[in-house]
C-alpha atoms as a PDB file:
ATOM      1  CA  MET A   1      -7.193  77.131-130.919  1.00  0.00           C
ATOM      2  CA  GLU A   2      -5.738  79.140-127.792  1.00  0.00           C
ATOM      3  CA  LYS A   3      -7.534  82.324-127.124  1.00  0.00           C
ATOM      4  CA  ILE A   4      -5.906  85.535-128.740  1.00  0.00           C
ATOM      5  CA  ARG A   5      -6.691  88.929-126.865  1.00  0.00           C
ATOM      6  CA  MET A   6      -8.159  91.694-129.122  1.00  0.00           C
ATOM      7  CA  ALA A   7      -6.895  95.247-128.822  1.00  0.00           C
ATOM      8  CA  SER A   8      -8.167  98.343-130.257  1.00  0.00           C
ATOM      9  CA  PRO A   9      -5.426 100.916-131.268  1.00  0.00           C
ATOM     10  CA  LEU A  10      -5.982 104.644-130.048  1.00  0.00           C
ATOM     11  CA  TYR A  11      -4.402 106.292-133.302  1.00  0.00           C
ATOM     12  CA  ILE A  12      -7.802 106.228-135.308  1.00  0.00           C
ATOM     13  CA  LEU A  13      -9.487 107.779-131.975  1.00  0.00           C
ATOM     14  CA  ARG A  14      -6.547 110.259-131.539  1.00  0.00           C
ATOM     15  CA  GLU A  15      -8.763 113.435-131.593  1.00  0.00           C
ATOM     16  CA  ALA A  16     -11.307 111.990-129.179  1.00  0.00           C
ATOM     17  CA  CYS A  17      -8.716 111.014-126.939  1.00  0.00           C
ATOM     18  CA  ALA A  18      -7.154 114.389-126.619  1.00  0.00           C
ATOM     19  CA  ARG A  19     -10.599 115.462-125.474  1.00  0.00           C
ATOM     20  CA  ASP A  20     -11.427 112.447-122.924  1.00  0.00           C
ATOM     21  CA  LEU A  21      -9.162 109.449-122.993  1.00  0.00           C
ATOM     22  CA  PHE A  22     -10.922 107.744-120.552  1.00  0.00           C
ATOM     23  CA  GLY A  23     -14.329 108.195-122.188  1.00  0.00           C
ATOM     24  CA  VAL A  24     -12.752 106.316-125.250  1.00  0.00           C
ATOM     25  CA  LEU A  25     -11.584 103.483-123.007  1.00  0.00           C
ATOM     26  CA  GLU A  26     -15.041 103.392-121.786  1.00  0.00           C
ATOM     27  CA  ARG A  27     -16.377 102.982-125.260  1.00  0.00           C
ATOM     28  CA  LEU A  28     -13.758 100.422-126.375  1.00  0.00           C
ATOM     29  CA  ALA A  29     -14.692  98.233-123.320  1.00  0.00           C
ATOM     30  CA  ASP A  30     -18.490  98.372-123.934  1.00  0.00           C
ATOM     31  CA  LEU A  31     -17.545  97.192-127.754  1.00  0.00           C
ATOM     32  CA  GLY A  32     -16.099  94.224-126.252  1.00  0.00           C
ATOM     33  CA  PHE A  33     -11.984  94.618-126.738  1.00  0.00           C
ATOM     34  CA  ASP A  34      -9.946  92.856-124.241  1.00  0.00           C
ATOM     35  CA  GLY A  35      -7.142  95.704-124.328  1.00  0.00           C
ATOM     36  CA  VAL A  36      -6.027  98.903-126.003  1.00  0.00           C
ATOM     37  CA  GLU A  37      -2.442 100.036-127.546  1.00  0.00           C
ATOM     38  CA  PHE A  38      -1.889 103.424-126.660  1.00  0.00           C
ATOM     39  CA  LEU A  39      -0.861 106.503-128.335  1.00  0.00           C
ATOM     40  CA  GLY A  40       0.582 108.345-125.168  1.00  0.00           C
ATOM     41  CA  PHE A  41      -1.466 109.159-122.236  1.00  0.00           C
ATOM     42  CA  PHE A  42      -2.699 112.553-122.928  1.00  0.00           C
ATOM     43  CA  GLY A  43      -1.625 114.153-119.784  1.00  0.00           C
ATOM     44  CA  HIS A  44      -3.011 111.357-117.422  1.00  0.00           C
ATOM     45  CA  GLY A  45      -0.698 109.913-114.789  1.00  0.00           C
ATOM     46  CA  ALA A  46       0.262 106.094-114.967  1.00  0.00           C
ATOM     47  CA  ALA A  47      -1.749 105.275-111.603  1.00  0.00           C
ATOM     48  CA  ALA A  48      -4.712 106.838-112.901  1.00  0.00           C
ATOM     49  CA  VAL A  49      -4.642 105.078-116.248  1.00  0.00           C
ATOM     50  CA  ARG A  50      -3.930 102.022-114.784  1.00  0.00           C
ATOM     51  CA  GLU A  51      -6.891 102.445-112.153  1.00  0.00           C
ATOM     52  CA  ARG A  52      -9.288 103.140-114.902  1.00  0.00           C
ATOM     53  CA  LEU A  53      -8.311 100.216-117.256  1.00  0.00           C
ATOM     54  CA  GLU A  54      -8.896  97.989-114.188  1.00  0.00           C
ATOM     55  CA  ALA A  55     -12.234  99.267-113.458  1.00  0.00           C
ATOM     56  CA  LEU A  56     -13.219  98.728-116.910  1.00  0.00           C
ATOM     57  CA  GLY A  57     -11.843  95.321-117.513  1.00  0.00           C
ATOM     58  CA  LEU A  58      -9.266  96.429-120.207  1.00  0.00           C
ATOM     59  CA  GLN A  59      -5.544  95.611-120.471  1.00  0.00           C
ATOM     60  CA  ALA A  60      -2.726  97.965-121.525  1.00  0.00           C
ATOM     61  CA  LEU A  61      -1.194  95.938-124.373  1.00  0.00           C
ATOM     62  CA  GLY A  62       1.119  98.730-124.737  1.00  0.00           C
ATOM     63  CA  ASN A  63       2.464 102.291-126.060  1.00  0.00           C
ATOM     64  CA  HIS A  64       4.354 103.770-128.891  1.00  0.00           C
ATOM     65  CA  VAL A  65       7.202 106.043-127.372  1.00  0.00           C
ATOM     66  CA  PRO A  66       9.854 107.757-129.696  1.00  0.00           C
ATOM     67  CA  TYR A  67      13.409 106.371-129.587  1.00  0.00           C
ATOM     68  CA  SER A  68      14.787 109.572-128.201  1.00  0.00           C
ATOM     69  CA  GLU A  69      12.648 109.553-125.090  1.00  0.00           C
ATOM     70  CA  LEU A  70      13.578 105.777-124.457  1.00  0.00           C
ATOM     71  CA  ALA A  71      17.382 106.426-124.957  1.00  0.00           C
ATOM     72  CA  ALA A  72      17.161 109.686-122.935  1.00  0.00           C
ATOM     73  CA  GLU A  73      15.475 108.373-119.885  1.00  0.00           C
ATOM     74  CA  PRO A  74      14.974 104.719-120.217  1.00  0.00           C
ATOM     75  CA  GLU A  75      14.348 103.854-116.466  1.00  0.00           C
ATOM     76  CA  ARG A  76      11.913 106.642-116.070  1.00  0.00           C
ATOM     77  CA  THR A  77      10.026 105.693-119.259  1.00  0.00           C
ATOM     78  CA  LEU A  78      10.131 102.056-118.427  1.00  0.00           C
ATOM     79  CA  ASP A  79       8.970 102.480-114.923  1.00  0.00           C
ATOM     80  CA  PHE A  80       5.776 104.663-116.000  1.00  0.00           C
ATOM     81  CA  HIS A  81       4.760 101.969-118.303  1.00  0.00           C
ATOM     82  CA  ARG A  82       5.099  99.241-115.925  1.00  0.00           C
ATOM     83  CA  GLN A  83       2.979 101.234-113.482  1.00  0.00           C
ATOM     84  CA  VAL A  84       0.234 101.673-116.315  1.00  0.00           C
ATOM     85  CA  GLY A  85       0.647  97.829-116.716  1.00  0.00           C
ATOM     86  CA  CYS A  86       2.039  97.598-120.520  1.00  0.00           C
ATOM     87  CA  SER A  87       3.629  94.360-121.367  1.00  0.00           C
ATOM     88  CA  TYR A  88       4.855  95.792-124.715  1.00  0.00           C
ATOM     89  CA  LEU A  89       6.678  98.966-125.803  1.00  0.00           C
ATOM     90  CA  THR A  90       7.024  99.961-129.435  1.00  0.00           C
ATOM     91  CA  VAL A  91      10.010 102.025-130.291  1.00  0.00           C
ATOM     92  CA  ALA A  92       9.021 104.601-132.771  1.00  0.00           C
ATOM     93  CA  ASN A  93      10.946 107.293-134.968  1.00  0.00           C
ATOM     94  CA  LEU A  94      14.399 105.335-135.158  1.00  0.00           C
ATOM     95  CA  PRO A  95      17.304 107.666-136.002  1.00  0.00           C
ATOM     96  CA  GLU A  96      18.561 107.390-139.565  1.00  0.00           C
ATOM     97  CA  GLY A  97      22.053 106.341-139.893  1.00  0.00           C
ATOM     98  CA  GLU A  98      24.355 103.273-138.900  1.00  0.00           C
ATOM     99  CA  LEU A  99      22.195 100.500-137.300  1.00  0.00           C
ATOM    100  CA  GLU A 100      25.169  98.994-135.161  1.00  0.00           C
ATOM    101  CA  PRO A 101      25.083 101.803-132.622  1.00  0.00           C
ATOM    102  CA  LEU A 102      21.424 101.793-132.739  1.00  0.00           C
ATOM    103  CA  ALA A 103      21.329  98.216-131.859  1.00  0.00           C
ATOM    104  CA  GLY A 104      23.757  98.409-129.240  1.00  0.00           C
ATOM    105  CA  SER A 105      21.644 101.327-127.494  1.00  0.00           C
ATOM    106  CA  LEU A 106      18.420  99.098-127.894  1.00  0.00           C
ATOM    107  CA  LYS A 107      20.083  96.057-126.200  1.00  0.00           C
ATOM    108  CA  LYS A 108      20.532  98.250-123.010  1.00  0.00           C
ATOM    109  CA  ALA A 109      17.217  99.549-123.107  1.00  0.00           C
ATOM    110  CA  ALA A 110      15.646  95.614-123.778  1.00  0.00           C
ATOM    111  CA  GLU A 111      17.701  94.526-120.707  1.00  0.00           C
ATOM    112  CA  LEU A 112      15.933  97.121-118.472  1.00  0.00           C
ATOM    113  CA  ALA A 113      12.446  96.566-120.220  1.00  0.00           C
ATOM    114  CA  ALA A 114      13.152  92.841-119.403  1.00  0.00           C
ATOM    115  CA  GLN A 115      13.715  93.446-115.998  1.00  0.00           C
ATOM    116  CA  ARG A 116      10.222  95.300-115.686  1.00  0.00           C
ATOM    117  CA  GLY A 117       8.414  92.672-117.734  1.00  0.00           C
ATOM    118  CA  ILE A 118       8.205  94.568-121.132  1.00  0.00           C
ATOM    119  CA  ARG A 119       9.104  93.588-124.524  1.00  0.00           C
ATOM    120  CA  LEU A 120      10.381  96.040-127.087  1.00  0.00           C
ATOM    121  CA  LEU A 121       8.615  95.725-130.448  1.00  0.00           C
ATOM    122  CA  TYR A 122       9.172  97.586-133.954  1.00  0.00           C
ATOM    123  CA  HIS A 123       6.088  98.338-135.701  1.00  0.00           C
ATOM    124  CA  ASN A 124       6.368  98.861-139.545  1.00  0.00           C
ATOM    125  CA  HIS A 125       4.952 101.176-141.938  1.00  0.00           C
ATOM    126  CA  ALA A 126       4.858 101.222-145.485  1.00  0.00           C
ATOM    127  CA  ARG A 127       7.995 103.351-146.086  1.00  0.00           C
ATOM    128  CA  GLU A 128      10.357 100.413-144.612  1.00  0.00           C
ATOM    129  CA  LEU A 129       8.918  98.175-147.394  1.00  0.00           C
ATOM    130  CA  ALA A 130       9.424 100.545-150.150  1.00  0.00           C
ATOM    131  CA  ARG A 131      12.715 101.820-149.049  1.00  0.00           C
ATOM    132  CA  MET A 132      16.053 100.068-149.593  1.00  0.00           C
ATOM    133  CA  ARG A 133      19.058  99.943-147.269  1.00  0.00           C
ATOM    134  CA  GLY A 134      22.112  98.040-148.202  1.00  0.00           C
ATOM    135  CA  GLY A 135      20.477  96.117-150.931  1.00  0.00           C
ATOM    136  CA  ARG A 136      17.699  94.869-149.137  1.00  0.00           C
ATOM    137  CA  ARG A 137      14.301  96.190-147.785  1.00  0.00           C
ATOM    138  CA  GLU A 138      14.720  98.660-144.861  1.00  0.00           C
ATOM    139  CA  LEU A 139      12.746  96.459-142.663  1.00  0.00           C
ATOM    140  CA  ASP A 140      14.674  93.610-143.231  1.00  0.00           C
ATOM    141  CA  ALA A 141      17.914  95.695-142.512  1.00  0.00           C
ATOM    142  CA  ILE A 142      16.690  96.755-139.059  1.00  0.00           C
ATOM    143  CA  LEU A 143      15.502  93.402-138.173  1.00  0.00           C
ATOM    144  CA  GLU A 144      18.824  91.851-138.974  1.00  0.00           C
ATOM    145  CA  ALA A 145      20.827  94.340-137.140  1.00  0.00           C
ATOM    146  CA  VAL A 146      18.611  94.596-134.193  1.00  0.00           C
ATOM    147  CA  PRO A 147      18.309  90.751-133.414  1.00  0.00           C
ATOM    148  CA  ALA A 148      14.932  89.141-131.785  1.00  0.00           C
ATOM    149  CA  PRO A 149      15.971  89.212-128.135  1.00  0.00           C
ATOM    150  CA  VAL A 150      16.447  92.732-128.483  1.00  0.00           C
ATOM    151  CA  MET A 151      13.512  93.730-130.427  1.00  0.00           C
ATOM    152  CA  ALA A 152      10.554  91.793-131.567  1.00  0.00           C
ATOM    153  CA  LEU A 153       8.305  92.561-134.722  1.00  0.00           C
ATOM    154  CA  GLU A 154       4.641  94.274-134.603  1.00  0.00           C
ATOM    155  CA  PRO A 155       3.836  93.347-138.167  1.00  0.00           C
ATOM    156  CA  ASP A 156       1.290  95.798-139.492  1.00  0.00           C
ATOM    157  CA  LEU A 157       0.004  93.436-142.354  1.00  0.00           C
ATOM    158  CA  GLY A 158      -1.744  96.209-144.259  1.00  0.00           C
ATOM    159  CA  TRP A 159       1.340  98.419-144.310  1.00  0.00           C
ATOM    160  CA  MET A 160       3.476  95.618-145.689  1.00  0.00           C
ATOM    161  CA  GLU A 161       1.458  95.109-148.431  1.00  0.00           C
ATOM    162  CA  ILE A 162       0.870  98.745-149.397  1.00  0.00           C
ATOM    163  CA  GLY A 163       4.633  99.168-149.247  1.00  0.00           C
ATOM    164  CA  GLY A 164       5.153  96.385-151.707  1.00  0.00           C
ATOM    165  CA  GLY A 165       5.832  93.469-149.475  1.00  0.00           C
ATOM    166  CA  ASP A 166       4.432  90.058-149.028  1.00  0.00           C
ATOM    167  CA  PRO A 167       2.778  89.835-145.564  1.00  0.00           C
ATOM    168  CA  ALA A 168       2.721  86.103-145.844  1.00  0.00           C
ATOM    169  CA  GLU A 169       6.377  86.020-146.408  1.00  0.00           C
ATOM    170  CA  TYR A 170       7.059  88.176-143.359  1.00  0.00           C
ATOM    171  CA  LEU A 171       4.825  86.168-141.088  1.00  0.00           C
ATOM    172  CA  ILE A 172       6.558  83.015-142.290  1.00  0.00           C
ATOM    173  CA  ARG A 173      10.169  84.033-141.795  1.00  0.00           C
ATOM    174  CA  TYR A 174       9.576  85.798-138.652  1.00  0.00           C
ATOM    175  CA  ARG A 175       6.983  83.225-137.062  1.00  0.00           C
ATOM    176  CA  ASP A 176       8.735  83.181-133.792  1.00  0.00           C
ATOM    177  CA  ARG A 177       9.241  87.367-133.558  1.00  0.00           C
ATOM    178  CA  CYS A 178       5.683  88.482-133.708  1.00  0.00           C
ATOM    179  CA  PRO A 179       3.918  88.565-130.470  1.00  0.00           C
ATOM    180  CA  VAL A 180       1.608  91.319-131.685  1.00  0.00           C
ATOM    181  CA  ILE A 181       0.132  91.589-135.093  1.00  0.00           C
ATOM    182  CA  HIS A 182      -1.757  94.511-136.624  1.00  0.00           C
ATOM    183  CA  LEU A 183      -4.556  93.776-139.144  1.00  0.00           C
ATOM    184  CA  LYS A 184      -4.739  96.874-141.225  1.00  0.00           C
ATOM    185  CA  ASP A 185      -7.408  96.566-144.081  1.00  0.00           C
ATOM    186  CA  TYR A 186      -7.646  99.041-146.933  1.00  0.00           C
ATOM    187  CA  TYR A 187      -8.865  99.338-150.353  1.00  0.00           C
ATOM    188  CA  ALA A 188      -6.785 100.459-153.517  1.00  0.00           C
ATOM    189  CA  LEU A 189      -6.822 100.011-157.406  1.00  0.00           C
ATOM    190  CA  GLY A 190      -3.776  99.101-158.917  1.00  0.00           C
ATOM    191  CA  SER A 191      -0.264  99.776-157.598  1.00  0.00           C
ATOM    192  CA  LEU A 192       0.331 102.463-155.180  1.00  0.00           C
ATOM    193  CA  PRO A 193       3.100 104.930-155.248  1.00  0.00           C
ATOM    194  CA  GLY A 194       5.971 104.679-152.730  1.00  0.00           C
ATOM    195  CA  ASP A 195       5.191 107.659-150.715  1.00  0.00           C
ATOM    196  CA  ILE A 196       1.539 107.144-150.190  1.00  0.00           C
ATOM    197  CA  GLN A 197       2.198 106.738-146.516  1.00  0.00           C
ATOM    198  CA  ASP A 198       3.222 110.568-146.558  1.00  0.00           C
ATOM    199  CA  ARG A 199       0.269 111.946-148.350  1.00  0.00           C
ATOM    200  CA  ILE A 200      -2.708 109.765-147.475  1.00  0.00           C
ATOM    201  CA  PRO A 201      -5.513 111.008-149.890  1.00  0.00           C
ATOM    202  CA  GLN A 202      -9.138 111.306-149.453  1.00  0.00           C
ATOM    203  CA  PRO A 203     -11.347 108.393-150.744  1.00  0.00           C
ATOM    204  CA  GLY A 204     -11.744 108.090-154.567  1.00  0.00           C
ATOM    205  CA  ASP A 205      -8.686 110.229-155.377  1.00  0.00           C
ATOM    206  CA  ARG A 206      -8.020 108.288-158.788  1.00  0.00           C
ATOM    207  CA  THR A 207      -4.020 109.764-158.861  1.00  0.00           C
ATOM    208  CA  MET A 208      -3.457 107.767-155.541  1.00  0.00           C
ATOM    209  CA  GLY A 209      -5.291 104.332-156.600  1.00  0.00           C
ATOM    210  CA  CYS A 210      -8.670 105.397-154.864  1.00  0.00           C
ATOM    211  CA  PHE A 211      -6.829 104.397-151.571  1.00  0.00           C
ATOM    212  CA  GLU A 212      -8.843 104.259-148.567  1.00  0.00           C
ATOM    213  CA  PHE A 213      -8.461 102.670-145.099  1.00  0.00           C
ATOM    214  CA  ARG A 214     -11.208 100.060-144.263  1.00  0.00           C
ATOM    215  CA  PRO A 215     -12.301  97.943-141.344  1.00  0.00           C
ATOM    216  CA  VAL A 216     -10.736  94.586-141.081  1.00  0.00           C
ATOM    217  CA  GLY A 217     -12.499  92.273-143.504  1.00  0.00           C
ATOM    218  CA  TYR A 218     -13.717  94.948-145.598  1.00  0.00           C
ATOM    219  CA  GLY A 219     -10.833  95.629-147.622  1.00  0.00           C
ATOM    220  CA  VAL A 220      -8.580  94.121-150.214  1.00  0.00           C
ATOM    221  CA  LEU A 221      -6.194  92.392-147.701  1.00  0.00           C
ATOM    222  CA  ASN A 222      -6.727  88.796-147.879  1.00  0.00           C
ATOM    223  CA  ILE A 223      -7.010  88.249-143.964  1.00  0.00           C
ATOM    224  CA  ALA A 224      -8.579  84.819-144.335  1.00  0.00           C
ATOM    225  CA  ARG A 225      -5.376  83.707-146.093  1.00  0.00           C
ATOM    226  CA  LEU A 226      -3.254  85.284-143.543  1.00  0.00           C
ATOM    227  CA  MET A 227      -5.006  84.548-140.395  1.00  0.00           C
ATOM    228  CA  PRO A 228      -3.618  80.663-140.304  1.00  0.00           C
ATOM    229  CA  LEU A 229      -0.126  82.308-140.724  1.00  0.00           C
ATOM    230  CA  CYS A 230      -0.865  84.920-137.649  1.00  0.00           C
ATOM    231  CA  LEU A 231      -2.005  81.965-135.708  1.00  0.00           C
ATOM    232  CA  ALA A 232       1.395  79.919-136.466  1.00  0.00           C
ATOM    233  CA  CYS A 233       3.073  82.755-134.703  1.00  0.00           C
ATOM    234  CA  ARG A 234       1.150  82.228-131.623  1.00  0.00           C
ATOM    235  CA  PRO A 235       0.696  85.965-130.839  1.00  0.00           C
ATOM    236  CA  ASP A 236      -0.665  87.457-127.555  1.00  0.00           C
ATOM    237  CA  TRP A 237      -2.590  90.111-129.149  1.00  0.00           C
ATOM    238  CA  LEU A 238      -4.291  90.600-132.548  1.00  0.00           C
ATOM    239  CA  VAL A 239      -4.716  94.640-133.084  1.00  0.00           C
ATOM    240  CA  MET A 240      -7.967  95.755-135.153  1.00  0.00           C
ATOM    241  CA  ASP A 241      -6.089  98.701-136.786  1.00  0.00           C
ATOM    242  CA  HIS A 242      -6.962 101.206-139.465  1.00  0.00           C
ATOM    243  CA  ASP A 243      -5.793 104.883-139.562  1.00  0.00           C
ATOM    244  CA  MET A 244      -8.745 106.855-140.756  1.00  0.00           C
ATOM    245  CA  ALA A 245     -12.518 106.167-140.817  1.00  0.00           C
ATOM    246  CA  TYR A 246     -13.168 109.459-142.792  1.00  0.00           C
ATOM    247  CA  ASP A 247     -16.798 110.356-142.563  1.00  0.00           C
ATOM    248  CA  ARG A 248     -17.733 107.008-140.802  1.00  0.00           C
ATOM    249  CA  ASP A 249     -18.073 106.645-136.981  1.00  0.00           C
ATOM    250  CA  PRO A 250     -14.698 105.118-135.915  1.00  0.00           C
ATOM    251  CA  TYR A 251     -16.354 103.343-133.208  1.00  0.00           C
ATOM    252  CA  GLY A 252     -18.772 101.363-135.696  1.00  0.00           C
ATOM    253  CA  ASP A 253     -15.546 100.786-137.706  1.00  0.00           C
ATOM    254  CA  LEU A 254     -13.667  99.136-134.713  1.00  0.00           C
ATOM    255  CA  LYS A 255     -16.801  97.141-134.069  1.00  0.00           C
ATOM    256  CA  LEU A 256     -16.977  95.725-137.542  1.00  0.00           C
ATOM    257  CA  SER A 257     -13.095  94.717-137.309  1.00  0.00           C
ATOM    258  CA  LEU A 258     -13.595  93.244-133.821  1.00  0.00           C
ATOM    259  CA  ASP A 259     -16.638  90.999-135.178  1.00  0.00           C
ATOM    260  CA  TYR A 260     -15.099  89.937-138.345  1.00  0.00           C
ATOM    261  CA  THR A 261     -11.836  89.044-136.565  1.00  0.00           C
ATOM    262  CA  ARG A 262     -13.829  87.172-133.904  1.00  0.00           C
ATOM    263  CA  GLU A 263     -15.984  85.325-136.299  1.00  0.00           C
ATOM    264  CA  LEU A 264     -13.253  84.351-138.608  1.00  0.00           C
ATOM    265  CA  LEU A 265     -11.438  82.810-135.622  1.00  0.00           C
ATOM    266  CA  ARG A 266     -14.591  80.912-134.688  1.00  0.00           C
ATOM    267  CA  VAL A 267     -15.112  79.640-138.137  1.00  0.00           C
ATOM    268  CA  MET A 268     -11.280  78.452-138.220  1.00  0.00           C
ATOM    269  CA  ALA A 269     -11.680  76.613-134.700  1.00  0.00           C
ATOM    270  CA  ALA A 270     -14.984  75.171-136.025  1.00  0.00           C
ATOM    271  CA  ALA A 271     -13.357  73.787-139.128  1.00  0.00           C
ATOM    272  CA  GLU A 272     -10.311  72.598-137.102  1.00  0.00           C
ATOM    273  CA  ALA A 273     -12.608  70.607-134.613  1.00  0.00           C
ATOM    274  CA  TYR A 274     -14.594  68.867-137.365  1.00  0.00           C
ATOM    275  CA  SER A 275     -11.528  67.973-139.543  1.00  0.00           C
END
């Protein structure tokens, strides 16, 4: 089994990042992560971020960038991320409307990105699984309109399931298009409302299925079932992702997620060697 790098997202630590981004990076390095997926750089320059990452032995998986920013200043945006050391750039907040013009614009950006060793990604949430476009799920419509050479998929397995989709189906269908995979775990009772993403409740709210984000391996997402399908995608990175720790320590949650994922991979590798 090839070694897969493990990254922490910064969304769960967004408030701490606003106060002290470099302090957050130091904590994540101490936890044992291989890299981070940024959510902006909180006023820090590219050179300073790269220097800090190198000092800590961390890699920059990538960053989330609004489509409007990438479309308006593609070369400046991509040059900044190349200097940081990002291999991927997740295009966020795609505009509504026709997908064909969007695909053309992204194709130009993807060509510029490839020249800099960067690959564009699309990260799904629940809404792209819950909404329909042209008689099919919105996520499928986007991925069909924007082909794999232009934009790869960064599947968020938890959001897929929360939105009513089957993560296994997407991992199989897009096996050659998933270089980065988010393992988002959660807890819920019964079916969830389609707009749950827009009004995430506090834990225990029975009107919202008692929904709660959980560390990877501690919720209802069947990670053990999905992991062989993840590995079949030959991903560069697995991301231990959940959005809120509530009254728990977010670093503690991230450590639980990292330890669970590494132990699961260890057990799978041992079983493979034994067989």
